[in-house]
Amino acid sequence: MKKSDVKALASMPLQSPTYPRGPYNFFGREYLVINYKTDAALIRAALPEPLEPAGDTIAVQWLDLPDGEGFGAYAATAQVIPCTFKGEQCNFISQMYVDSSPPLAGGREIWGYPMKYGKAVLKVNADTLTGSLHYATQAIATGTMVYKHDAFRADHAKQKEYLSRTQVTLKLIPDIDGTPAIAQLVAIKFANVAIHGAWTGQARLELIPSVNCPLADLPVRQIVGGLHMVTDMTLPYGTVIHDYLKK
């Protein structure tokens, strides 16, 4: 294999790359977002500087992704901390668990999404939208929301702003000797966001402590509410907004 061929590869292994080049389009991407209040001091401890907390409300999200170009079908659970960077409202992706290797590898290697393997499921059970997460066979998180109780609401402006808000990840990749090769804050902004439906309503969230899936380290103090969305969008490449190795 020539040098030019190596440089043209999208990802490893060379015989069958794990994912192709982007950007990546997603269709029918479904969300359950449960917002809740937690301890402000714990948020500060979980948020890398120079990001600043934006209150005491955070979220656990479930995502069902049936059609992701280059990644296929998979599901995910994420913990999201609203914050600011130089005055801009952002969402820091603190933890994320997925059930398929292509998005797990691509998410970590390209954007720095903090992905580990976990079994996330989002589905409708009778009159309840239900999200569940298992890690190492243990039940870690269960979220429930009323199903489309405000089905006649047509204004999705707030939800589109939420999805269009900059996401921030902490991308950490070690060098061959174990020292940091990359230590960056990365900004990601979804493009071509289309919302096919968005519903709000009562929700509940249970988090169970786990040493390797520590969502419960930011405990639930009060449920703020639930959000259910079905969307299409494009995931473009990100940009580096802070380099810890150059500061």
Protein backbone atom coordinates (compact mmCIF):
# COMPACT_ATOMS: atom_id res chain seq x y z
CA MET A 1 0.00 0.00 0.00
CA LYS A 2 1.37 3.40 -1.03
CA LYS A 3 1.67 6.42 1.23
CA SER A 4 -1.09 8.15 -0.73
CA ASP A 5 -3.38 5.17 -0.16
CA VAL A 6 -2.71 5.25 3.59
CA LYS A 7 -3.49 8.98 3.75
CA ALA A 8 -6.73 8.42 1.85
CA LEU A 9 -8.10 5.95 4.41
CA ALA A 10 -11.04 7.23 6.46
CA SER A 11 -10.30 5.05 9.49
CA MET A 12 -8.73 1.78 10.63
CA PRO A 13 -8.38 -1.10 9.83
CA LEU A 14 -7.09 -0.59 6.32
CA GLN A 15 -8.88 -3.68 4.96
CA SER A 16 -12.31 -2.52 6.19
CA PRO A 17 -12.47 1.00 7.66
CA THR A 18 -14.71 1.28 10.72
CA TYR A 19 -16.46 4.36 9.31
CA PRO A 20 -16.29 6.43 6.10
CA ARG A 21 -15.54 10.11 5.71
CA GLY A 22 -18.19 12.63 6.73
CA PRO A 23 -20.13 14.76 7.15
CA TYR A 24 -22.79 12.34 8.37
CA ASN A 25 -26.54 12.63 7.88
CA PHE A 26 -29.07 11.22 10.34
CA PHE A 27 -32.72 10.53 9.59
CA GLY A 28 -35.53 9.79 12.03
CA ARG A 29 -33.24 10.53 15.00
CA GLU A 30 -35.39 10.28 18.13
CA TYR A 31 -34.68 11.88 21.52
CA LEU A 32 -35.90 11.56 25.07
CA VAL A 33 -34.42 14.40 27.13
CA ILE A 34 -35.07 14.53 30.87
CA ASN A 35 -33.94 17.75 32.54
CA TYR A 36 -33.27 17.74 36.26
CA LYS A 37 -31.71 19.81 39.02
CA THR A 38 -28.58 18.56 40.77
CA ASP A 39 -25.86 19.96 43.07
CA ALA A 40 -24.07 23.02 41.72
CA ALA A 41 -20.75 22.06 43.36
CA LEU A 42 -20.84 18.67 41.64
CA ILE A 43 -21.52 20.30 38.28
CA ARG A 44 -18.47 22.54 38.76
CA ALA A 45 -16.33 19.49 39.56
CA ALA A 46 -17.55 17.68 36.42
CA LEU A 47 -17.03 20.63 34.07
CA PRO A 48 -13.50 21.25 32.73
CA GLU A 49 -12.22 24.81 32.80
CA PRO A 50 -12.51 27.22 31.05
CA LEU A 51 -16.15 26.13 30.66
CA GLU A 52 -18.48 27.77 33.19
CA PRO A 53 -21.66 26.25 34.64
CA ALA A 54 -24.99 27.68 33.50
CA GLY A 55 -27.09 26.92 36.56
CA ASP A 56 -27.95 23.74 38.43
CA THR A 57 -30.04 21.98 35.74
CA ILE A 58 -28.59 19.23 33.55
CA ALA A 59 -30.04 16.44 31.41
CA VAL A 60 -29.88 12.75 30.62
CA GLN A 61 -30.71 12.01 26.99
CA TRP A 62 -31.71 8.82 25.23
CA LEU A 63 -31.23 8.66 21.47
CA ASP A 64 -32.55 6.13 19.01
CA LEU A 65 -30.71 6.48 15.70
CA PRO A 66 -32.24 4.13 13.09
CA ASP A 67 -30.52 5.63 10.04
CA GLY A 68 -27.07 7.19 10.45
CA GLU A 69 -25.07 7.42 7.22
CA GLY A 70 -21.80 5.56 7.65
CA PHE A 71 -22.70 4.41 11.16
CA GLY A 72 -25.88 2.39 10.65
CA ALA A 73 -28.49 1.93 13.37
CA TYR A 74 -27.70 2.28 17.06
CA ALA A 75 -28.86 3.78 20.35
CA ALA A 76 -27.17 5.96 22.94
CA THR A 77 -27.53 7.57 26.36
CA ALA A 78 -25.74 10.79 27.28
CA GLN A 79 -25.40 13.12 30.26
CA VAL A 80 -25.37 16.76 29.17
CA ILE A 81 -24.31 19.79 31.22
CA PRO A 82 -25.40 23.26 30.01
CA CYS A 83 -22.50 25.69 30.26
CA THR A 84 -20.92 28.78 28.70
CA PHE A 85 -17.68 29.29 26.81
CA LYS A 86 -16.62 32.93 26.47
CA GLY A 87 -20.23 33.93 27.03
CA GLU A 88 -21.73 31.52 24.47
CA GLN A 89 -24.37 29.05 25.63
CA CYS A 90 -23.14 25.49 25.06
CA ASN A 91 -23.89 21.91 26.06
CA PHE A 92 -20.97 19.90 27.46
CA ILE A 93 -21.28 16.18 26.75
CA SER A 94 -20.05 14.70 30.01
CA GLN A 95 -20.72 10.97 29.47
CA MET A 96 -22.08 8.93 26.59
CA TYR A 97 -22.85 5.22 26.12
CA VAL A 98 -23.55 3.52 22.77
CA ASP A 99 -24.24 -0.04 21.61
CA SER A 100 -22.32 -0.20 18.31
CA SER A 101 -18.62 -0.02 17.46
CA PRO A 102 -18.59 2.29 14.36
CA PRO A 103 -20.19 5.29 16.11
CA LEU A 104 -18.26 4.53 19.30
CA ALA A 105 -14.92 4.56 17.47
CA GLY A 106 -15.78 7.48 15.21
CA GLY A 107 -17.30 9.53 18.00
CA ARG A 108 -14.18 9.22 20.14
CA GLU A 109 -11.58 9.49 17.37
CA ILE A 110 -13.05 12.40 15.40
CA TRP A 111 -15.04 14.59 17.79
CA GLY A 112 -13.94 13.43 21.23
CA TYR A 113 -17.39 12.25 22.30
CA PRO A 114 -16.88 10.46 25.67
CA MET A 115 -18.32 7.19 24.40
CA LYS A 116 -18.16 3.82 26.14
CA TYR A 117 -20.08 0.66 25.35
CA GLY A 118 -23.46 0.38 27.01
CA LYS A 119 -26.87 -0.98 26.08
CA ALA A 120 -29.27 1.93 25.61
CA VAL A 121 -32.90 1.39 24.56
CA LEU A 122 -35.56 3.99 23.74
CA LYS A 123 -39.07 2.75 22.98
CA VAL A 124 -42.76 3.30 23.60
CA ASN A 125 -44.42 0.95 26.11
CA ALA A 126 -48.20 1.43 26.05
CA ASP A 127 -48.72 5.10 27.03
CA THR A 128 -45.13 5.70 28.22
CA LEU A 129 -41.95 6.69 26.41
CA THR A 130 -39.24 4.71 28.14
CA GLY A 131 -35.45 4.96 28.09
CA SER A 132 -33.19 2.40 29.73
CA LEU A 133 -29.42 1.98 30.04
CA HIS A 134 -27.52 -1.14 31.09
CA TYR A 135 -23.76 -1.20 31.64
CA ALA A 136 -21.84 -4.40 32.48
CA THR A 137 -25.26 -6.12 32.79
CA GLN A 138 -26.35 -3.69 35.54
CA ALA A 139 -29.38 -1.44 35.17
CA ILE A 140 -27.97 2.10 35.41
CA ALA A 141 -30.70 4.51 34.32
CA THR A 142 -34.42 4.47 33.61
CA GLY A 143 -36.29 7.45 32.22
CA THR A 144 -40.01 7.69 31.57
CA MET A 145 -42.18 10.38 29.98
CA VAL A 146 -45.84 10.76 29.11
CA TYR A 147 -46.40 10.00 25.44
CA LYS A 148 -47.31 12.99 23.24
CA HIS A 149 -49.64 14.72 25.69
CA ASP A 150 -49.26 18.04 23.82
CA ALA A 151 -49.61 16.51 20.37
CA PHE A 152 -51.24 19.61 18.86
CA ARG A 153 -48.36 22.00 19.61
CA ALA A 154 -46.79 23.20 16.34
CA ASP A 155 -44.13 25.70 17.50
CA HIS A 156 -40.74 23.93 17.66
CA ALA A 157 -38.54 27.02 17.82
CA LYS A 158 -37.18 26.28 21.30
CA GLN A 159 -36.37 22.70 20.38
CA LYS A 160 -34.59 23.76 17.19
CA GLU A 161 -32.50 26.23 19.20
CA TYR A 162 -31.63 23.44 21.65
CA LEU A 163 -30.45 21.13 18.88
CA SER A 164 -28.57 23.95 17.12
CA ARG A 165 -26.68 24.92 20.28
CA THR A 166 -22.94 24.23 20.24
CA GLN A 167 -21.95 20.93 21.81
CA VAL A 168 -18.57 20.77 23.55
CA THR A 169 -16.49 17.66 24.20
CA LEU A 170 -13.21 17.03 25.96
CA LYS A 171 -11.05 15.16 23.44
CA LEU A 172 -8.21 13.24 25.08
CA ILE A 173 -5.90 10.98 23.04
CA PRO A 174 -2.61 9.67 24.44
CA ASP A 175 0.62 9.47 22.47
CA ILE A 176 2.46 6.20 21.93
CA ASP A 177 4.41 6.73 25.18
CA GLY A 178 1.28 7.43 27.20
CA THR A 179 1.75 11.19 27.41
CA PRO A 180 -1.03 13.41 26.05
CA ALA A 181 -0.97 13.81 22.27
CA ILE A 182 -4.32 15.63 22.12
CA ALA A 183 -6.06 17.45 24.98
CA GLN A 184 -8.67 19.79 23.52
CA LEU A 185 -12.11 21.22 23.95
CA VAL A 186 -13.93 20.57 20.69
CA ALA A 187 -17.03 22.42 19.47
CA ILE A 188 -19.63 20.61 17.35
CA LYS A 189 -22.66 22.24 15.80
CA PHE A 190 -25.40 20.24 14.09
CA ALA A 191 -26.45 21.45 10.63
CA ASN A 192 -29.60 21.05 8.51
CA VAL A 193 -31.72 20.46 11.60
CA ALA A 194 -35.31 19.48 10.74
CA ILE A 195 -37.81 18.68 13.49
CA HIS A 196 -40.63 16.33 12.54
CA GLY A 197 -42.21 16.44 15.98
CA ALA A 198 -41.50 17.73 19.48
CA TRP A 199 -43.48 17.09 22.66
CA THR A 200 -43.03 18.14 26.28
CA GLY A 201 -44.50 16.71 29.46
CA GLN A 202 -44.01 15.12 32.84
CA ALA A 203 -41.06 12.79 33.23
CA ARG A 204 -39.23 10.75 35.83
CA LEU A 205 -35.61 9.61 36.07
CA GLU A 206 -33.89 6.99 38.20
CA LEU A 207 -30.07 6.73 38.32
CA ILE A 208 -28.26 3.83 40.01
CA PRO A 209 -24.64 4.28 41.18
CA SER A 210 -22.02 2.45 39.14
CA VAL A 211 -18.24 2.80 39.30
CA ASN A 212 -17.72 2.62 35.51
CA CYS A 213 -20.96 4.31 34.43
CA PRO A 214 -21.26 7.11 37.00
CA LEU A 215 -24.32 9.02 35.80
CA ALA A 216 -25.59 8.96 39.38
CA ASP A 217 -22.59 11.00 40.54
CA LEU A 218 -24.74 13.97 39.47
CA PRO A 219 -27.79 12.91 41.47
CA VAL A 220 -31.41 13.79 40.76
CA ARG A 221 -32.67 16.48 43.14
CA GLN A 222 -35.74 17.64 41.22
CA ILE A 223 -37.21 16.75 37.82
CA VAL A 224 -37.75 19.79 35.62
CA GLY A 225 -39.50 18.06 32.73
CA GLY A 226 -39.24 15.85 29.67
CA LEU A 227 -38.77 16.49 25.97
CA HIS A 228 -39.42 14.04 23.14
CA MET A 229 -38.24 14.85 19.58
CA VAL A 230 -37.97 13.24 16.16
CA THR A 231 -35.45 14.93 13.89
CA ASP A 232 -33.18 14.82 10.86
CA MET A 233 -29.77 16.50 10.97
CA THR A 234 -26.22 16.57 9.70
CA LEU A 235 -23.20 15.96 11.94
CA PRO A 236 -20.28 17.92 10.46
CA TYR A 237 -16.68 17.92 11.64
CA GLY A 238 -15.85 20.01 14.71
CA THR A 239 -13.45 22.79 15.61
CA VAL A 240 -10.91 23.13 18.42
CA ILE A 241 -11.86 25.94 20.80
CA HIS A 242 -9.28 25.30 23.53
CA ASP A 243 -5.98 23.41 23.44
CA TYR A 244 -4.72 22.41 26.88
CA LEU A 245 -1.27 21.54 25.52
CA LYS A 246 -0.71 25.05 24.15
CA LYS A 247 -1.93 27.11 27.11
